[in-house]
Structure formats: structure tokens, C-alpha cells
Amino acid sequence: MTRTAAQDTGARWPAIRTVGVDGLLVSFGAELSEPANRAALAFRAALDRAAPEGVEESSTSLVSTYLRFDPLHRDHAGLRADLQRLLDSADWYAADLPAGRRAWRIPTVFGTDLAPQLDEAAAAAGLTREAAIASLSDSPVRVQTIGFAPGQPYLGQLDGAWNIPRQSGLTERVPAGALCLAIRQLVLFPVPTPTGWRHVGQTAFRPFRPEAERPFLLRPGDEVRLDPVSPERLDALRDDPEGGATSETLP
């Protein structure tokens, strides 16, 4: 890691930690940031290309790469040494994101009865409704990780104005395709669910399609742009398996 990155995090990162009898976790920061998320994605891609002996699977969270290994053939100390050599071989905080990423455009209704907490979220961020919609739709966000529910993306990071907390209460249920916001991130729910995140947008997009050959449409590192549409337009897209979303491979 570069000296600048170390100063920014205020700690010694990356850190390798033991997870049970057959796992290790490589963390690139104590909290979410673009460089830490980039590092986690790039490091996992490097493991996928040439994993140390004994590694059986890997995955990423917001700022960490997890790997599971065969404890009958490797021990923690030996694998930790291999991982440290890989960490020392590059500045992962400035590394290229994984190849094969896609850029998605997803039609989204912001506000209205379909996403009733946009105004509340905008007020918490100190923005007008119009400025809030522009902020959420003008720039692409990255799929930082997939988690909580099958195929569910965490999208971000948003502008610093959106560093607003979760609700103090719980929304009993938001529908599939709900776009909800908190802590400079968006989540796109694949199934109806209760949530403490504010419901600011609604899509017809299904990020999890168990019947499809590729059940998870979005992958960590993909980019997503949210295109504002009317409720009437969204209703017309509900029969489309991808809810009107389009994608292309990033260069």
C-alpha cells in the first residue's frame, strides 16, 4: 500500500485475519471508501487468475476479500505468507478494476407513491427533490458487493451529502425492485423485504433470476446508471425480464 493510502485510513492496511479453521480475510480499510473497495475487487480478481495452492473459493465484501482454503493441504501461516507476497506486489488501492465489467442503465421512478421516501431522504441530505434526483441519476455508481439477499447489489459511493443514517424505525415491506438509500449507498432489493433504508426509487429490474442461466445479473465492479422514467413507462416495462435495463461491456 502507498504511504498516502496508509495516511488516509489512519491505520496499517491491508490486514490479513483468520476466519475459522479454513478461511482468511484480507481487509483494505476500516470503512468504505472507493480505494478500499477497488482494492478488494482487484485483489480478488488476482486470486481468481492465480490463487495460491489450496484456495478453494473467494468472495468480496465492501472493503475485504475472503478466501476459503483446504486445511488438509495448507495451514494459515503458509497461506498468509503467500497472500502477503501478493499484497506486496502491487498498489491495490490504485489497481485496475476487474476485466469484463458491464455498464448498466436501469429505468427508475424516483419518488411518487412508488418510492414514497424520496422527499424525506432529500431533506436529510439538504437537497431539493430535483437536486436529489439529479444527484442520484447523473453519475454511474459501482456495484461494490453482492450480499444480504441473493443477487442484491450495494451501489455507491454516493456524494457526501447522502451520508444519512438508516431510519430509526422499520418499513414493514418494500417491493422487489425497490431502490433504498442510507450511508452513501443504495441497495436494490431483489425480493419484497422489510428494511430500515429509505425507499427513494422503484425499478422493474430483477437482479436475481433463479430460473436463468446467469441468476445474478449484476456483479461486483459493474457500473449502474439510474435513468429517471415516469410511473407509466415503468409499468410498461414490467413484462420485460430485465425491466428495461440495458448493458454493455466496459472497455
Protein backbone atom coordinates (compact mmCIF):
# COMPACT_ATOMS: atom_id res chain seq x y z
CA MET A 1 0.00 0.00 0.00
CA THR A 2 1.19 3.53 -0.71
CA ARG A 3 2.07 5.89 2.12
CA THR A 4 -0.79 8.18 1.08
CA ALA A 5 -3.33 5.39 1.37
CA ALA A 6 -1.97 4.44 4.79
CA GLN A 7 -2.27 8.03 5.98
CA ASP A 8 -5.82 8.30 4.65
CA THR A 9 -7.03 5.21 6.53
CA GLY A 10 -5.25 6.11 9.74
CA ALA A 11 -4.18 2.52 10.29
CA ARG A 12 -1.95 -0.19 8.88
CA TRP A 13 -3.80 -1.69 5.95
CA PRO A 14 -4.17 -4.10 4.32
CA ALA A 15 -4.67 -6.56 7.17
CA ILE A 16 -4.89 -10.36 6.98
CA ARG A 17 -7.13 -12.02 9.57
CA THR A 18 -8.05 -15.60 10.39
CA VAL A 19 -11.66 -16.70 9.82
CA GLY A 20 -12.30 -20.09 11.39
CA VAL A 21 -10.34 -23.21 10.53
CA ASP A 22 -10.39 -22.76 6.75
CA GLY A 23 -10.65 -19.05 5.98
CA LEU A 24 -8.66 -15.84 5.76
CA LEU A 25 -9.92 -12.29 5.31
CA VAL A 26 -7.82 -9.61 3.61
CA SER A 27 -9.19 -6.18 4.56
CA PHE A 28 -8.17 -2.91 2.89
CA GLY A 29 -9.70 -0.45 5.34
CA ALA A 30 -11.86 0.01 8.41
CA GLU A 31 -14.68 1.69 6.48
CA LEU A 32 -15.98 2.01 2.96
CA SER A 33 -14.04 4.16 0.50
CA GLU A 34 -13.55 4.00 -3.23
CA PRO A 35 -9.86 2.97 -2.98
CA ALA A 36 -10.61 0.25 -0.41
CA ASN A 37 -13.46 -1.18 -2.50
CA ARG A 38 -11.29 -1.02 -5.62
CA ALA A 39 -8.50 -2.86 -3.80
CA ALA A 40 -10.82 -5.64 -2.60
CA LEU A 41 -12.19 -6.18 -6.11
CA ALA A 42 -8.79 -6.08 -7.79
CA PHE A 43 -7.19 -8.38 -5.24
CA ARG A 44 -9.92 -10.97 -5.62
CA ALA A 45 -9.52 -10.82 -9.41
CA ALA A 46 -5.82 -11.54 -8.95
CA LEU A 47 -6.68 -14.53 -6.77
CA ASP A 48 -9.07 -15.80 -9.42
CA ARG A 49 -6.31 -15.60 -12.03
CA ALA A 50 -3.66 -17.35 -9.96
CA ALA A 51 -4.76 -18.39 -6.49
CA PRO A 52 -2.18 -19.79 -4.08
CA GLU A 53 -2.24 -23.55 -3.69
CA GLY A 54 -5.13 -24.81 -1.60
CA VAL A 55 -7.52 -21.88 -2.12
CA GLU A 56 -10.96 -23.25 -2.99
CA GLU A 57 -13.12 -20.15 -3.29
CA SER A 58 -13.09 -16.39 -2.80
CA SER A 59 -15.57 -13.54 -2.48
CA THR A 60 -15.60 -9.84 -1.67
CA SER A 61 -17.43 -7.59 0.75
CA LEU A 62 -17.30 -3.80 0.68
CA VAL A 63 -13.61 -3.49 1.63
CA SER A 64 -12.39 -7.08 2.06
CA THR A 65 -11.56 -10.22 0.13
CA TYR A 66 -12.45 -13.52 1.78
CA LEU A 67 -10.94 -16.84 0.77
CA ARG A 68 -11.60 -20.38 1.89
CA PHE A 69 -8.87 -22.99 1.67
CA ASP A 70 -8.37 -26.70 2.21
CA PRO A 71 -6.91 -27.04 5.75
CA LEU A 72 -5.77 -30.61 4.99
CA HIS A 73 -3.25 -29.28 2.47
CA ARG A 74 -2.44 -25.76 3.72
CA ASP A 75 -2.18 -24.09 7.08
CA HIS A 76 -2.98 -20.49 7.95
CA ALA A 77 0.65 -19.45 8.33
CA GLY A 78 1.75 -20.74 4.93
CA LEU A 79 -1.20 -19.26 3.07
CA ARG A 80 -0.85 -15.99 4.96
CA ALA A 81 2.74 -15.74 3.71
CA ASP A 82 1.59 -16.33 0.11
CA LEU A 83 -1.06 -13.64 0.47
CA GLN A 84 1.42 -11.17 1.93
CA ARG A 85 3.72 -11.65 -1.06
CA LEU A 86 0.80 -10.96 -3.39
CA LEU A 87 -0.19 -7.88 -1.39
CA ASP A 88 3.36 -6.57 -1.58
CA SER A 89 3.48 -6.99 -5.36
CA ALA A 90 1.18 -4.07 -6.27
CA ASP A 91 -0.58 -0.94 -5.04
CA TRP A 92 -4.04 -2.48 -4.87
CA TYR A 93 -5.67 0.84 -3.95
CA ALA A 94 -4.79 2.16 -7.40
CA ALA A 95 -5.16 -1.12 -9.31
CA ASP A 96 -7.35 -1.56 -12.37
CA LEU A 97 -10.80 -2.89 -11.69
CA PRO A 98 -11.50 -6.46 -12.90
CA ALA A 99 -11.91 -7.09 -16.61
CA GLY A 100 -15.30 -7.99 -18.03
CA ARG A 101 -17.26 -5.41 -16.09
CA ARG A 102 -20.53 -4.15 -17.56
CA ALA A 103 -22.19 -0.74 -17.62
CA TRP A 104 -25.92 -0.95 -16.89
CA ARG A 105 -28.70 1.58 -17.42
CA ILE A 106 -31.76 0.85 -15.29
CA PRO A 107 -35.05 2.75 -15.74
CA THR A 108 -36.08 4.14 -12.34
CA VAL A 109 -39.02 6.06 -10.94
CA PHE A 110 -37.82 8.47 -8.26
CA GLY A 111 -40.41 9.44 -5.66
CA THR A 112 -44.18 9.33 -6.28
CA ASP A 113 -46.29 6.74 -4.49
CA LEU A 114 -43.96 4.06 -5.86
CA ALA A 115 -40.98 5.33 -3.82
CA PRO A 116 -42.51 7.44 -1.07
CA GLN A 117 -39.43 8.36 0.97
CA LEU A 118 -37.50 10.39 -1.62
CA ASP A 119 -38.53 13.73 -0.14
CA GLU A 120 -37.61 12.59 3.38
CA ALA A 121 -34.18 11.39 2.21
CA ALA A 122 -33.60 14.56 0.19
CA ALA A 123 -34.42 16.73 3.21
CA ALA A 124 -31.99 14.72 5.36
CA ALA A 125 -29.31 15.33 2.71
CA GLY A 126 -30.13 19.05 2.50
CA LEU A 127 -31.29 18.81 -1.12
CA THR A 128 -34.39 19.73 -3.05
CA ARG A 129 -36.32 16.92 -4.74
CA GLU A 130 -34.97 17.98 -8.14
CA ALA A 131 -31.39 18.18 -6.91
CA ALA A 132 -31.74 14.80 -5.21
CA ILE A 133 -32.94 13.11 -8.40
CA ALA A 134 -30.14 14.72 -10.38
CA SER A 135 -27.55 13.63 -7.82
CA LEU A 136 -28.76 10.02 -7.90
CA SER A 137 -29.09 9.77 -11.67
CA ASP A 138 -26.40 11.96 -13.25
CA SER A 139 -23.41 9.73 -12.49
CA PRO A 140 -22.93 5.96 -12.51
CA VAL A 141 -22.45 4.08 -9.26
CA ARG A 142 -20.39 0.92 -8.77
CA VAL A 143 -21.67 -2.44 -7.66
CA GLN A 144 -19.49 -2.59 -4.55
CA THR A 145 -20.58 -6.03 -3.42
CA ILE A 146 -23.45 -8.52 -3.57
CA GLY A 147 -24.98 -9.54 -0.27
CA PHE A 148 -27.78 -9.79 2.30
CA ALA A 149 -30.13 -11.43 -0.23
CA PRO A 150 -29.35 -13.40 -3.42
CA GLY A 151 -28.15 -11.05 -6.15
CA GLN A 152 -28.70 -7.90 -4.07
CA PRO A 153 -26.23 -5.15 -5.01
CA TYR A 154 -24.83 -2.44 -2.78
CA LEU A 155 -24.25 0.58 -5.02
CA GLY A 156 -22.05 3.59 -4.37
CA GLN A 157 -20.42 5.56 -3.14
CA LEU A 158 -22.83 8.45 -3.40
CA ASP A 159 -21.97 12.10 -2.88
CA GLY A 160 -21.09 13.01 0.69
CA ALA A 161 -24.45 14.75 1.15
CA TRP A 162 -26.03 11.29 1.18
CA ASN A 163 -24.20 10.19 4.31
CA ILE A 164 -27.53 9.92 6.09
CA PRO A 165 -28.35 7.22 8.66
CA ARG A 166 -30.88 4.46 8.37
CA GLN A 167 -34.35 5.14 9.71
CA SER A 168 -34.93 4.76 13.42
CA GLY A 169 -37.93 2.55 12.60
CA LEU A 170 -38.58 -0.21 10.12
CA THR A 171 -40.52 -0.11 6.87
CA GLU A 172 -42.57 -3.27 7.03
CA ARG A 173 -42.13 -4.12 3.38
CA VAL A 174 -40.74 -2.67 0.16
CA PRO A 175 -41.40 -4.43 -3.16
CA ALA A 176 -38.92 -6.24 -5.37
CA GLY A 177 -37.01 -3.70 -7.43
CA ALA A 178 -37.07 -1.09 -4.65
CA LEU A 179 -34.09 1.25 -4.58
CA CYS A 180 -33.32 2.24 -0.99
CA LEU A 181 -30.72 4.61 0.45
CA ALA A 182 -28.56 5.10 3.54
CA ILE A 183 -24.93 5.78 4.48
CA ARG A 184 -23.85 6.96 0.98
CA GLN A 185 -25.09 3.74 -0.59
CA LEU A 186 -28.06 2.39 -2.50
CA VAL A 187 -29.41 -1.14 -2.31
CA LEU A 188 -31.62 -2.68 -4.97
CA PHE A 189 -33.85 -5.30 -3.41
CA PRO A 190 -34.41 -8.49 -5.43
CA VAL A 191 -37.41 -9.61 -3.34
CA PRO A 192 -40.01 -7.93 -1.12
CA THR A 193 -38.43 -7.26 2.25
CA PRO A 194 -38.61 -5.17 5.43
CA THR A 195 -35.91 -2.51 5.65
CA GLY A 196 -34.58 0.41 7.61
CA TRP A 197 -33.28 2.05 4.44
CA ARG A 198 -35.33 4.84 2.82
CA HIS A 199 -37.26 3.88 -0.31
CA VAL A 200 -36.29 6.57 -2.87
CA GLY A 201 -36.67 4.82 -6.23
CA GLN A 202 -38.51 1.95 -7.88
CA THR A 203 -37.42 -0.23 -10.78
CA ALA A 204 -38.80 -3.23 -12.64
CA PHE A 205 -35.31 -4.75 -12.63
CA ARG A 206 -34.82 -8.22 -11.18
CA PRO A 207 -31.20 -8.60 -10.03
CA PHE A 208 -31.86 -12.23 -9.03
CA ARG A 209 -33.44 -14.58 -11.57
CA PRO A 210 -33.14 -18.16 -10.25
CA GLU A 211 -34.63 -19.57 -13.46
CA ALA A 212 -31.94 -18.03 -15.67
CA GLU A 213 -28.61 -19.50 -16.75
CA ARG A 214 -26.99 -16.46 -15.12
CA PRO A 215 -29.10 -15.91 -11.98
CA PHE A 216 -27.16 -12.85 -10.72
CA LEU A 217 -27.34 -10.10 -13.36
CA LEU A 218 -25.07 -7.63 -11.59
CA ARG A 219 -21.54 -8.43 -10.49
CA PRO A 220 -19.12 -6.58 -8.21
CA GLY A 221 -17.32 -3.91 -10.21
CA ASP A 222 -20.18 -3.30 -12.67
CA GLU A 223 -21.36 0.27 -13.14
CA VAL A 224 -25.01 1.27 -12.87
CA ARG A 225 -26.70 4.43 -14.11
CA LEU A 226 -30.27 5.06 -12.94
CA ASP A 227 -32.35 6.63 -15.72
CA PRO A 228 -35.41 8.57 -14.46
CA VAL A 229 -38.70 7.47 -16.06
CA SER A 230 -42.39 8.05 -15.39
CA PRO A 231 -44.55 5.57 -13.48
CA GLU A 232 -46.40 4.87 -16.72
CA ARG A 233 -43.19 3.99 -18.52
CA LEU A 234 -42.11 1.74 -15.68
CA ASP A 235 -45.44 -0.06 -15.73
CA ALA A 236 -44.94 -0.82 -19.43
CA LEU A 237 -41.55 -2.37 -18.64
CA ARG A 238 -42.75 -4.85 -16.02
CA ASP A 239 -43.16 -7.68 -18.53
CA ASP A 240 -39.55 -7.28 -19.69
CA PRO A 241 -37.37 -9.90 -17.90
CA GLU A 242 -34.76 -7.20 -17.23
CA GLY A 243 -37.18 -4.37 -16.51
CA GLY A 244 -35.99 -2.33 -19.48
CA ALA A 245 -32.37 -2.38 -18.35
CA THR A 246 -29.61 -2.42 -20.95
CA SER A 247 -25.93 -3.15 -20.58
CA GLU A 248 -22.65 -3.12 -22.44
CA THR A 249 -19.16 -4.36 -21.67
CA LEU A 250 -16.83 -1.69 -20.35
CA PRO A 251 -13.52 -1.19 -22.19
